């Protein structure tokens, strides 16, 4: 079961608080069972709202990417002279350190 997101918590909590206040003010009830019934109804409404908040979709993990712009490119060819001079410089630096 996936964990609820921050948006789901926020929407559900706000729904519970505001719907409880609205129902208590509109019904003007002061009895214990009436307040308990309103609280349960507000919790159910908050749960319903939290569960219907759209969840961001994750991309499916695939073994091979479907679009690889570099797949059709030829490898870069470096001249032999450039490879030799770079290798010689690194070898000299390695001995000095």
PDB file of N, CA and C in Angstrom:
ATOM      1  N   UNK A   1       0.846  -1.179   0.000  1.00  0.00           N
ATOM      2  CA  UNK A   1       0.000   0.000   0.000  1.00  0.00           C
ATOM      3  C   UNK A   1       0.892   1.243   0.000  1.00  0.00           C
ATOM      4  N   UNK A   2       0.683   2.155  -0.954  1.00  0.00           N
ATOM      5  CA  UNK A   2       1.533   3.345  -1.019  1.00  0.00           C
ATOM      6  C   UNK A   2       1.252   4.298   0.138  1.00  0.00           C
ATOM      7  N   UNK A   3       2.284   5.027   0.518  1.00  0.00           N
ATOM      8  CA  UNK A   3       2.136   5.988   1.604  1.00  0.00           C
ATOM      9  C   UNK A   3       1.434   7.243   1.101  1.00  0.00           C
ATOM     10  N   UNK A   4       0.642   7.896   1.979  1.00  0.00           N
ATOM     11  CA  UNK A   4      -0.025   9.137   1.544  1.00  0.00           C
ATOM     12  C   UNK A   4       0.991  10.261   1.330  1.00  0.00           C
ATOM     13  N   UNK A   5       0.689  11.120   0.373  1.00  0.00           N
ATOM     14  CA  UNK A   5       1.560  12.251   0.083  1.00  0.00           C
ATOM     15  C   UNK A   5       1.212  13.415   1.004  1.00  0.00           C
ATOM     16  N   UNK A   6       2.047  14.439   0.974  1.00  0.00           N
ATOM     17  CA  UNK A   6       1.800  15.633   1.790  1.00  0.00           C
ATOM     18  C   UNK A   6       0.507  16.331   1.359  1.00  0.00           C
ATOM     19  N   UNK A   7       0.230  16.318   0.076  1.00  0.00           N
ATOM     20  CA  UNK A   7      -1.003  16.933  -0.422  1.00  0.00           C
ATOM     21  C   UNK A   7      -2.231  16.202   0.111  1.00  0.00           C
ATOM     22  N   UNK A   8      -2.162  14.878   0.172  1.00  0.00           N
ATOM     23  CA  UNK A   8      -3.286  14.115   0.696  1.00  0.00           C
ATOM     24  C   UNK A   8      -3.518  14.429   2.175  1.00  0.00           C
ATOM     25  N   UNK A   9      -2.435  14.515   2.949  1.00  0.00           N
ATOM     26  CA  UNK A   9      -2.579  14.883   4.360  1.00  0.00           C
ATOM     27  C   UNK A   9      -3.191  16.272   4.507  1.00  0.00           C
ATOM     28  N   UNK A  10      -2.706  17.219   3.723  1.00  0.00           N
ATOM     29  CA  UNK A  10      -3.174  18.604   3.832  1.00  0.00           C
ATOM     30  C   UNK A  10      -4.651  18.717   3.458  1.00  0.00           C
ATOM     31  N   UNK A  11      -5.027  18.154   2.317  1.00  0.00           N
ATOM     32  CA  UNK A  11      -6.426  18.237   1.887  1.00  0.00           C
ATOM     33  C   UNK A  11      -7.360  17.523   2.861  1.00  0.00           C
ATOM     34  N   UNK A  12      -6.951  16.357   3.314  1.00  0.00           N
ATOM     35  CA  UNK A  12      -7.791  15.616   4.252  1.00  0.00           C
ATOM     36  C   UNK A  12      -7.953  16.338   5.580  1.00  0.00           C
ATOM     37  N   UNK A  13      -6.862  16.883   6.112  1.00  0.00           N
ATOM     38  CA  UNK A  13      -6.925  17.600   7.396  1.00  0.00           C
ATOM     39  C   UNK A  13      -7.773  18.856   7.296  1.00  0.00           C
ATOM     40  N   UNK A  14      -7.569  19.620   6.235  1.00  0.00           N
ATOM     41  CA  UNK A  14      -8.377  20.840   6.055  1.00  0.00           C
ATOM     42  C   UNK A  14      -9.855  20.504   5.899  1.00  0.00           C
ATOM     43  N   UNK A  15     -10.141  19.431   5.191  1.00  0.00           N
ATOM     44  CA  UNK A  15     -11.538  19.027   5.014  1.00  0.00           C
ATOM     45  C   UNK A  15     -12.167  18.656   6.347  1.00  0.00           C
ATOM     46  N   UNK A  16     -11.442  17.909   7.171  1.00  0.00           N
ATOM     47  CA  UNK A  16     -11.975  17.514   8.477  1.00  0.00           C
ATOM     48  C   UNK A  16     -12.251  18.742   9.338  1.00  0.00           C
ATOM     49  N   UNK A  17     -11.292  19.646   9.396  1.00  0.00           N
ATOM     50  CA  UNK A  17     -11.437  20.822  10.263  1.00  0.00           C
ATOM     51  C   UNK A  17     -12.576  21.710   9.797  1.00  0.00           C
ATOM     52  N   UNK A  18     -12.568  22.073   8.516  1.00  0.00           N
ATOM     53  CA  UNK A  18     -13.580  23.007   8.034  1.00  0.00           C
ATOM     54  C   UNK A  18     -14.972  22.386   7.969  1.00  0.00           C
ATOM     55  N   UNK A  19     -15.061  21.124   7.622  1.00  0.00           N
ATOM     56  CA  UNK A  19     -16.394  20.510   7.579  1.00  0.00           C
ATOM     57  C   UNK A  19     -16.955  20.322   8.987  1.00  0.00           C
ATOM     58  N   UNK A  20     -16.095  20.030   9.964  1.00  0.00           N
ATOM     59  CA  UNK A  20     -16.567  19.919  11.349  1.00  0.00           C
ATOM     60  C   UNK A  20     -17.109  21.259  11.829  1.00  0.00           C
ATOM     61  N   UNK A  21     -16.346  22.322  11.601  1.00  0.00           N
ATOM     62  CA  UNK A  21     -16.806  23.647  12.020  1.00  0.00           C
ATOM     63  C   UNK A  21     -18.110  24.037  11.318  1.00  0.00           C
ATOM     64  N   UNK A  22     -18.178  23.796  10.013  1.00  0.00           N
ATOM     65  CA  UNK A  22     -19.381  24.167   9.265  1.00  0.00           C
ATOM     66  C   UNK A  22     -20.600  23.388   9.747  1.00  0.00           C
ATOM     67  N   UNK A  23     -20.436  22.074   9.949  1.00  0.00           N
ATOM     68  CA  UNK A  23     -21.591  21.276  10.388  1.00  0.00           C
ATOM     69  C   UNK A  23     -22.015  21.634  11.805  1.00  0.00           C
ATOM     70  N   UNK A  24     -21.045  21.927  12.679  1.00  0.00           N
ATOM     71  CA  UNK A  24     -21.409  22.314  14.045  1.00  0.00           C
ATOM     72  C   UNK A  24     -22.129  23.664  14.066  1.00  0.00           C
ATOM     73  N   UNK A  25     -21.662  24.603  13.251  1.00  0.00           N
ATOM     74  CA  UNK A  25     -22.312  25.912  13.212  1.00  0.00           C
ATOM     75  C   UNK A  25     -23.688  25.847  12.563  1.00  0.00           C
ATOM     76  N   UNK A  26     -23.823  25.045  11.513  1.00  0.00           N
ATOM     77  CA  UNK A  26     -25.115  24.956  10.829  1.00  0.00           C
ATOM     78  C   UNK A  26     -26.147  24.159  11.617  1.00  0.00           C
ATOM     79  N   UNK A  27     -25.725  23.125  12.303  1.00  0.00           N
ATOM     80  CA  UNK A  27     -26.689  22.295  13.031  1.00  0.00           C
ATOM     81  C   UNK A  27     -27.006  22.862  14.410  1.00  0.00           C
ATOM     82  N   UNK A  28     -26.132  23.670  14.950  1.00  0.00           N
ATOM     83  CA  UNK A  28     -26.284  24.273  16.276  1.00  0.00           C
ATOM     84  C   UNK A  28     -26.567  23.221  17.345  1.00  0.00           C
ATOM     85  N   UNK A  29     -25.947  22.081  17.220  1.00  0.00           N
ATOM     86  CA  UNK A  29     -26.142  21.019  18.196  1.00  0.00           C
ATOM     87  C   UNK A  29     -25.182  21.205  19.365  1.00  0.00           C
ATOM     88  N   UNK A  30     -25.617  20.786  20.530  1.00  0.00           N
ATOM     89  CA  UNK A  30     -24.753  20.870  21.710  1.00  0.00           C
ATOM     90  C   UNK A  30     -24.755  19.548  22.479  1.00  0.00           C
ATOM     91  N   UNK A  31     -25.465  18.568  21.970  1.00  0.00           N
ATOM     92  CA  UNK A  31     -25.504  17.279  22.649  1.00  0.00           C
ATOM     93  C   UNK A  31     -24.271  16.449  22.288  1.00  0.00           C
ATOM     94  N   UNK A  32     -23.872  15.585  23.175  1.00  0.00           N
ATOM     95  CA  UNK A  32     -22.703  14.738  22.959  1.00  0.00           C
ATOM     96  C   UNK A  32     -22.829  13.833  21.753  1.00  0.00           C
ATOM     97  N   UNK A  33     -23.949  13.094  21.630  1.00  0.00           N
ATOM     98  CA  UNK A  33     -24.088  12.222  20.462  1.00  0.00           C
ATOM     99  C   UNK A  33     -24.129  12.997  19.133  1.00  0.00           C
ATOM    100  N   UNK A  34     -24.689  14.184  19.140  1.00  0.00           N
ATOM    101  CA  UNK A  34     -24.741  14.995  17.916  1.00  0.00           C
ATOM    102  C   UNK A  34     -23.351  15.441  17.489  1.00  0.00           C
ATOM    103  N   UNK A  35     -22.551  15.873  18.461  1.00  0.00           N
ATOM    104  CA  UNK A  35     -21.182  16.297  18.159  1.00  0.00           C
ATOM    105  C   UNK A  35     -20.357  15.096  17.692  1.00  0.00           C
ATOM    106  N   UNK A  36     -20.553  13.937  18.318  1.00  0.00           N
ATOM    107  CA  UNK A  36     -19.819  12.734  17.922  1.00  0.00           C
ATOM    108  C   UNK A  36     -20.191  12.322  16.499  1.00  0.00           C
ATOM    109  N   UNK A  37     -21.464  12.404  16.161  1.00  0.00           N
ATOM    110  CA  UNK A  37     -21.915  12.060  14.813  1.00  0.00           C
ATOM    111  C   UNK A  37     -21.303  13.013  13.781  1.00  0.00           C
ATOM    112  N   UNK A  38     -21.260  14.287  14.100  1.00  0.00           N
ATOM    113  CA  UNK A  38     -20.668  15.267  13.184  1.00  0.00           C
ATOM    114  C   UNK A  38     -19.163  15.000  13.028  1.00  0.00           C
ATOM    115  N   UNK A  39     -18.480  14.666  14.128  1.00  0.00           N
ATOM    116  CA  UNK A  39     -17.048  14.382  14.064  1.00  0.00           C
ATOM    117  C   UNK A  39     -16.767  13.158  13.196  1.00  0.00           C
ATOM    118  N   UNK A  40     -17.568  12.125  13.340  1.00  0.00           N
ATOM    119  CA  UNK A  40     -17.382  10.915  12.521  1.00  0.00           C
ATOM    120  C   UNK A  40     -17.664  11.218  11.055  1.00  0.00           C
ATOM    121  N   UNK A  41     -18.705  11.999  10.792  1.00  0.00           N
ATOM    122  CA  UNK A  41     -19.017  12.360   9.409  1.00  0.00           C
ATOM    123  C   UNK A  41     -17.897  13.197   8.798  1.00  0.00           C
ATOM    124  N   UNK A  42     -17.320  14.106   9.567  1.00  0.00           N
ATOM    125  CA  UNK A  42     -16.221  14.941   9.066  1.00  0.00           C
ATOM    126  C   UNK A  42     -14.980  14.093   8.792  1.00  0.00           C
ATOM    127  N   UNK A  43     -14.698  13.125   9.666  1.00  0.00           N
ATOM    128  CA  UNK A  43     -13.556  12.241   9.431  1.00  0.00           C
ATOM    129  C   UNK A  43     -13.745  11.413   8.167  1.00  0.00           C
ATOM    130  N   UNK A  44     -14.951  10.919   7.961  1.00  0.00           N
ATOM    131  CA  UNK A  44     -15.227  10.137   6.752  1.00  0.00           C
ATOM    132  C   UNK A  44     -15.085  11.006   5.501  1.00  0.00           C
ATOM    133  N   UNK A  45     -15.574  12.232   5.576  1.00  0.00           N
ATOM    134  CA  UNK A  45     -15.456  13.139   4.442  1.00  0.00           C
ATOM    135  C   UNK A  45     -13.984  13.485   4.173  1.00  0.00           C
ATOM    136  N   UNK A  46     -13.218  13.706   5.240  1.00  0.00           N
ATOM    137  CA  UNK A  46     -11.790  13.992   5.073  1.00  0.00           C
ATOM    138  C   UNK A  46     -11.038  12.829   4.465  1.00  0.00           C
ATOM    139  N   UNK A  47     -11.385  11.624   4.872  1.00  0.00           N
ATOM    140  CA  UNK A  47     -10.754  10.431   4.298  1.00  0.00           C
ATOM    141  C   UNK A  47     -11.107  10.292   2.823  1.00  0.00           C
ATOM    142  N   UNK A  48     -12.350  10.559   2.479  1.00  0.00           N
ATOM    143  CA  UNK A  48     -12.774  10.486   1.086  1.00  0.00           C
ATOM    144  C   UNK A  48     -12.019  11.499   0.233  1.00  0.00           C
ATOM    145  N   UNK A  49     -11.891  12.721   0.739  1.00  0.00           N
ATOM    146  CA  UNK A  49     -11.172  13.754  -0.016  1.00  0.00           C
ATOM    147  C   UNK A  49      -9.702  13.388  -0.161  1.00  0.00           C
ATOM    148  N   UNK A  50      -9.091  12.904   0.924  1.00  0.00           N
ATOM    149  CA  UNK A  50      -7.667  12.553   0.865  1.00  0.00           C
ATOM    150  C   UNK A  50      -7.399  11.422  -0.113  1.00  0.00           C
ATOM    151  N   UNK A  51      -8.310  10.487  -0.221  1.00  0.00           N
ATOM    152  CA  UNK A  51      -8.089   9.355  -1.117  1.00  0.00           C
ATOM    153  C   UNK A  51      -8.359   9.699  -2.583  1.00  0.00           C
ATOM    154  N   UNK A  52      -9.091  10.773  -2.852  1.00  0.00           N
ATOM    155  CA  UNK A  52      -9.389  11.137  -4.232  1.00  0.00           C
ATOM    156  C   UNK A  52      -8.444  12.192  -4.782  1.00  0.00           C
ATOM    157  N   UNK A  53      -7.493  12.676  -3.979  1.00  0.00           N
ATOM    158  CA  UNK A  53      -6.498  13.628  -4.473  1.00  0.00           C
ATOM    159  C   UNK A  53      -5.620  12.896  -5.482  1.00  0.00           C
ATOM    160  N   UNK A  54      -5.409  13.477  -6.658  1.00  0.00           N
ATOM    161  CA  UNK A  54      -4.577  12.782  -7.650  1.00  0.00           C
ATOM    162  C   UNK A  54      -3.148  12.607  -7.145  1.00  0.00           C
ATOM    163  N   UNK A  55      -2.629  11.417  -7.336  1.00  0.00           N
ATOM    164  CA  UNK A  55      -1.273  11.089  -6.922  1.00  0.00           C
ATOM    165  C   UNK A  55      -0.364  11.257  -8.130  1.00  0.00           C
ATOM    166  N   UNK A  56       0.804  11.909  -7.963  1.00  0.00           N
ATOM    167  CA  UNK A  56       1.688  12.048  -9.122  1.00  0.00           C
ATOM    168  C   UNK A  56       2.157  10.687  -9.617  1.00  0.00           C
ATOM    169  N   UNK A  57       2.158  10.527 -10.928  1.00  0.00           N
ATOM    170  CA  UNK A  57       2.535   9.244 -11.518  1.00  0.00           C
ATOM    171  C   UNK A  57       4.042   9.149 -11.639  1.00  0.00           C
ATOM    172  N   UNK A  58       4.539   7.957 -11.412  1.00  0.00           N
ATOM    173  CA  UNK A  58       5.961   7.712 -11.612  1.00  0.00           C
ATOM    174  C   UNK A  58       6.151   7.057 -12.952  1.00  0.00           C
ATOM    175  N   UNK A  59       7.289   7.307 -13.551  1.00  0.00           N
ATOM    176  CA  UNK A  59       7.569   6.693 -14.841  1.00  0.00           C
ATOM    177  C   UNK A  59       7.910   5.224 -14.638  1.00  0.00           C
ATOM    178  N   UNK A  60       7.414   4.353 -15.492  1.00  0.00           N
ATOM    179  CA  UNK A  60       7.763   2.933 -15.351  1.00  0.00           C
ATOM    180  C   UNK A  60       9.238   2.725 -15.659  1.00  0.00           C
ATOM    181  N   UNK A  61       9.834   1.829 -14.921  1.00  0.00           N
ATOM    182  CA  UNK A  61      11.248   1.545 -15.128  1.00  0.00           C
ATOM    183  C   UNK A  61      11.379   0.533 -16.259  1.00  0.00           C
ATOM    184  N   UNK A  62      12.154   0.893 -17.267  1.00  0.00           N
ATOM    185  CA  UNK A  62      12.365   0.003 -18.393  1.00  0.00           C
ATOM    186  C   UNK A  62      13.849  -0.329 -18.484  1.00  0.00           C
ATOM    187  N   UNK A  63      14.135  -1.481 -18.995  1.00  0.00           N
ATOM    188  CA  UNK A  63      15.527  -1.915 -19.108  1.00  0.00           C
ATOM    189  C   UNK A  63      16.257  -1.130 -20.192  1.00  0.00           C
ATOM    190  N   UNK A  64      15.574  -0.840 -21.296  1.00  0.00           N
ATOM    191  CA  UNK A  64      16.181  -0.113 -22.397  1.00  0.00           C
ATOM    192  C   UNK A  64      15.359   1.141 -22.634  1.00  0.00           C
ATOM    193  N   UNK A  65      16.001   2.317 -22.627  1.00  0.00           N
ATOM    194  CA  UNK A  65      15.241   3.537 -22.903  1.00  0.00           C
ATOM    195  C   UNK A  65      14.636   3.487 -24.300  1.00  0.00           C
ATOM    196  N   UNK A  66      13.428   4.013 -24.429  1.00  0.00           N
ATOM    197  CA  UNK A  66      12.748   3.955 -25.712  1.00  0.00           C
ATOM    198  C   UNK A  66      13.305   4.982 -26.694  1.00  0.00           C
ATOM    199  N   UNK A  67      13.898   6.058 -26.189  1.00  0.00           N
ATOM    200  CA  UNK A  67      14.416   7.095 -27.070  1.00  0.00           C
ATOM    201  C   UNK A  67      15.840   7.419 -26.659  1.00  0.00           C
ATOM    202  N   UNK A  68      16.769   7.085 -27.542  1.00  0.00           N
ATOM    203  CA  UNK A  68      18.176   7.377 -27.268  1.00  0.00           C
ATOM    204  C   UNK A  68      18.712   8.182 -28.439  1.00  0.00           C
ATOM    205  N   UNK A  69      18.826   9.524 -28.291  1.00  0.00           N
ATOM    206  CA  UNK A  69      19.278  10.320 -29.433  1.00  0.00           C
ATOM    207  C   UNK A  69      20.716  10.024 -29.839  1.00  0.00           C
ATOM    208  N   UNK A  70      21.557   9.534 -28.937  1.00  0.00           N
ATOM    209  CA  UNK A  70      22.945   9.290 -29.278  1.00  0.00           C
ATOM    210  C   UNK A  70      23.191   7.877 -29.811  1.00  0.00           C
ATOM    211  N   UNK A  71      22.163   7.075 -29.956  1.00  0.00           N
ATOM    212  CA  UNK A  71      22.343   5.689 -30.395  1.00  0.00           C
ATOM    213  C   UNK A  71      22.811   5.607 -31.841  1.00  0.00           C
ATOM    214  N   UNK A  72      22.403   6.556 -32.678  1.00  0.00           N
ATOM    215  CA  UNK A  72      22.747   6.505 -34.097  1.00  0.00           C
ATOM    216  C   UNK A  72      24.008   7.308 -34.418  1.00  0.00           C
ATOM    217  N   UNK A  73      24.608   7.929 -33.444  1.00  0.00           N
ATOM    218  CA  UNK A  73      25.810   8.714 -33.683  1.00  0.00           C
ATOM    219  C   UNK A  73      27.035   7.813 -33.771  1.00  0.00           C
ATOM    220  N   UNK A  74      27.967   8.234 -34.590  1.00  0.00           N
ATOM    221  CA  UNK A  74      29.223   7.504 -34.689  1.00  0.00           C
ATOM    222  C   UNK A  74      30.126   7.936 -33.546  1.00  0.00           C
ATOM    223  N   UNK A  75      30.974   7.047 -33.073  1.00  0.00           N
ATOM    224  CA  UNK A  75      31.893   7.444 -32.003  1.00  0.00           C
ATOM    225  C   UNK A  75      32.889   8.481 -32.514  1.00  0.00           C
ATOM    226  N   UNK A  76      33.327   9.349 -31.621  1.00  0.00           N
ATOM    227  CA  UNK A  76      34.296  10.381 -31.991  1.00  0.00           C
ATOM    228  C   UNK A  76      35.662   9.728 -32.136  1.00  0.00           C
ATOM    229  N   UNK A  77      36.302   9.997 -33.247  1.00  0.00           N
ATOM    230  CA  UNK A  77      37.610   9.400 -33.496  1.00  0.00           C
ATOM    231  C   UNK A  77      38.684  10.433 -33.169  1.00  0.00           C
ATOM    232  N   UNK A  78      39.624  10.035 -32.315  1.00  0.00           N
ATOM    233  CA  UNK A  78      40.719  10.905 -31.911  1.00  0.00           C
ATOM    234  C   UNK A  78      41.968  10.473 -32.668  1.00  0.00           C
ATOM    235  N   UNK A  79      42.702  11.426 -33.262  1.00  0.00           N
ATOM    236  CA  UNK A  79      43.920  11.051 -33.990  1.00  0.00           C
ATOM    237  C   UNK A  79      44.926  10.377 -33.068  1.00  0.00           C
ATOM    238  N   UNK A  80      45.732   9.508 -33.627  1.00  0.00           N
ATOM    239  CA  UNK A  80      46.710   8.752 -32.839  1.00  0.00           C
ATOM    240  C   UNK A  80      47.713   9.680 -32.175  1.00  0.00           C
ATOM    241  N   UNK A  81      48.099  10.763 -32.838  1.00  0.00           N
ATOM    242  CA  UNK A  81      49.080  11.691 -32.266  1.00  0.00           C
ATOM    243  C   UNK A  81      48.531  12.331 -30.990  1.00  0.00           C
ATOM    244  N   UNK A  82      47.257  12.640 -30.946  1.00  0.00           N
ATOM    245  CA  UNK A  82      46.656  13.252 -29.759  1.00  0.00           C
ATOM    246  C   UNK A  82      46.603  12.248 -28.617  1.00  0.00           C
ATOM    247  N   UNK A  83      46.369  10.973 -28.929  1.00  0.00           N
ATOM    248  CA  UNK A  83      46.318   9.967 -27.876  1.00  0.00           C
ATOM    249  C   UNK A  83      47.690   9.752 -27.255  1.00  0.00           C
ATOM    250  N   UNK A  84      48.723   9.731 -28.055  1.00  0.00           N
ATOM    251  CA  UNK A  84      50.071   9.480 -27.555  1.00  0.00           C
ATOM    252  C   UNK A  84      50.537  10.628 -26.687  1.00  0.00           C
ATOM    253  N   UNK A  85      50.314  11.877 -27.117  1.00  0.00           N
ATOM    254  CA  UNK A  85      50.799  13.015 -26.339  1.00  0.00           C
ATOM    255  C   UNK A  85      50.053  13.134 -25.010  1.00  0.00           C
ATOM    256  N   UNK A  86      48.776  12.826 -24.989  1.00  0.00           N
ATOM    257  CA  UNK A  86      48.029  12.875 -23.731  1.00  0.00           C
ATOM    258  C   UNK A  86      48.508  11.799 -22.791  1.00  0.00           C
ATOM    259  N   UNK A  87      48.806  10.628 -23.303  1.00  0.00           N
ATOM    260  CA  UNK A  87      49.279   9.536 -22.460  1.00  0.00           C
ATOM    261  C   UNK A  87      50.654   9.835 -21.889  1.00  0.00           C
ATOM    262  N   UNK A  88      51.520  10.434 -22.688  1.00  0.00           N
ATOM    263  CA  UNK A  88      52.870  10.735 -22.214  1.00  0.00           C
ATOM    264  C   UNK A  88      52.833  11.782 -21.106  1.00  0.00           C
ATOM    265  N   UNK A  89      51.975  12.769 -21.222  1.00  0.00           N
ATOM    266  CA  UNK A  89      51.875  13.816 -20.197  1.00  0.00           C
ATOM    267  C   UNK A  89      51.358  13.258 -18.885  1.00  0.00           C
ATOM    268  N   UNK A  90      50.433  12.343 -18.949  1.00  0.00           N
ATOM    269  CA  UNK A  90      49.896  11.765 -17.723  1.00  0.00           C
ATOM    270  C   UNK A  90      50.925  10.885 -17.037  1.00  0.00           C
ATOM    271  N   UNK A  91      51.715  10.194 -17.820  1.00  0.00           N
ATOM    272  CA  UNK A  91      52.724   9.322 -17.221  1.00  0.00           C
ATOM    273  C   UNK A  91      53.789  10.165 -16.513  1.00  0.00           C
ATOM    274  N   UNK A  92      54.183  11.280 -17.090  1.00  0.00           N
ATOM    275  CA  UNK A  92      55.173  12.164 -16.484  1.00  0.00           C
ATOM    276  C   UNK A  92      54.629  12.768 -15.190  1.00  0.00           C
ATOM    277  N   UNK A  93      53.407  13.208 -15.224  1.00  0.00           N
ATOM    278  CA  UNK A  93      52.782  13.779 -14.036  1.00  0.00           C
ATOM    279  C   UNK A  93      52.678  12.749 -12.910  1.00  0.00           C
ATOM    280  N   UNK A  94      52.383  11.509 -13.264  1.00  0.00           N
ATOM    281  CA  UNK A  94      52.243  10.468 -12.269  1.00  0.00           C
ATOM    282  C   UNK A  94      53.545  10.183 -11.547  1.00  0.00           C
ATOM    283  N   UNK A  95      54.679  10.224 -12.265  1.00  0.00           N
ATOM    284  CA  UNK A  95      55.976   9.964 -11.633  1.00  0.00           C
ATOM    285  C   UNK A  95      56.423  11.109 -10.752  1.00  0.00           C
ATOM    286  N   UNK A  96      56.090  12.329 -11.125  1.00  0.00           N
ATOM    287  CA  UNK A  96      56.526  13.499 -10.352  1.00  0.00           C
ATOM    288  C   UNK A  96      55.790  13.564  -9.008  1.00  0.00           C
ATOM    289  N   UNK A  97      54.583  13.078  -8.956  1.00  0.00           N
ATOM    290  CA  UNK A  97      53.800  13.148  -7.714  1.00  0.00           C
ATOM    291  C   UNK A  97      54.223  12.034  -6.842  1.00  0.00           C
TER     292      UNK A  97
END
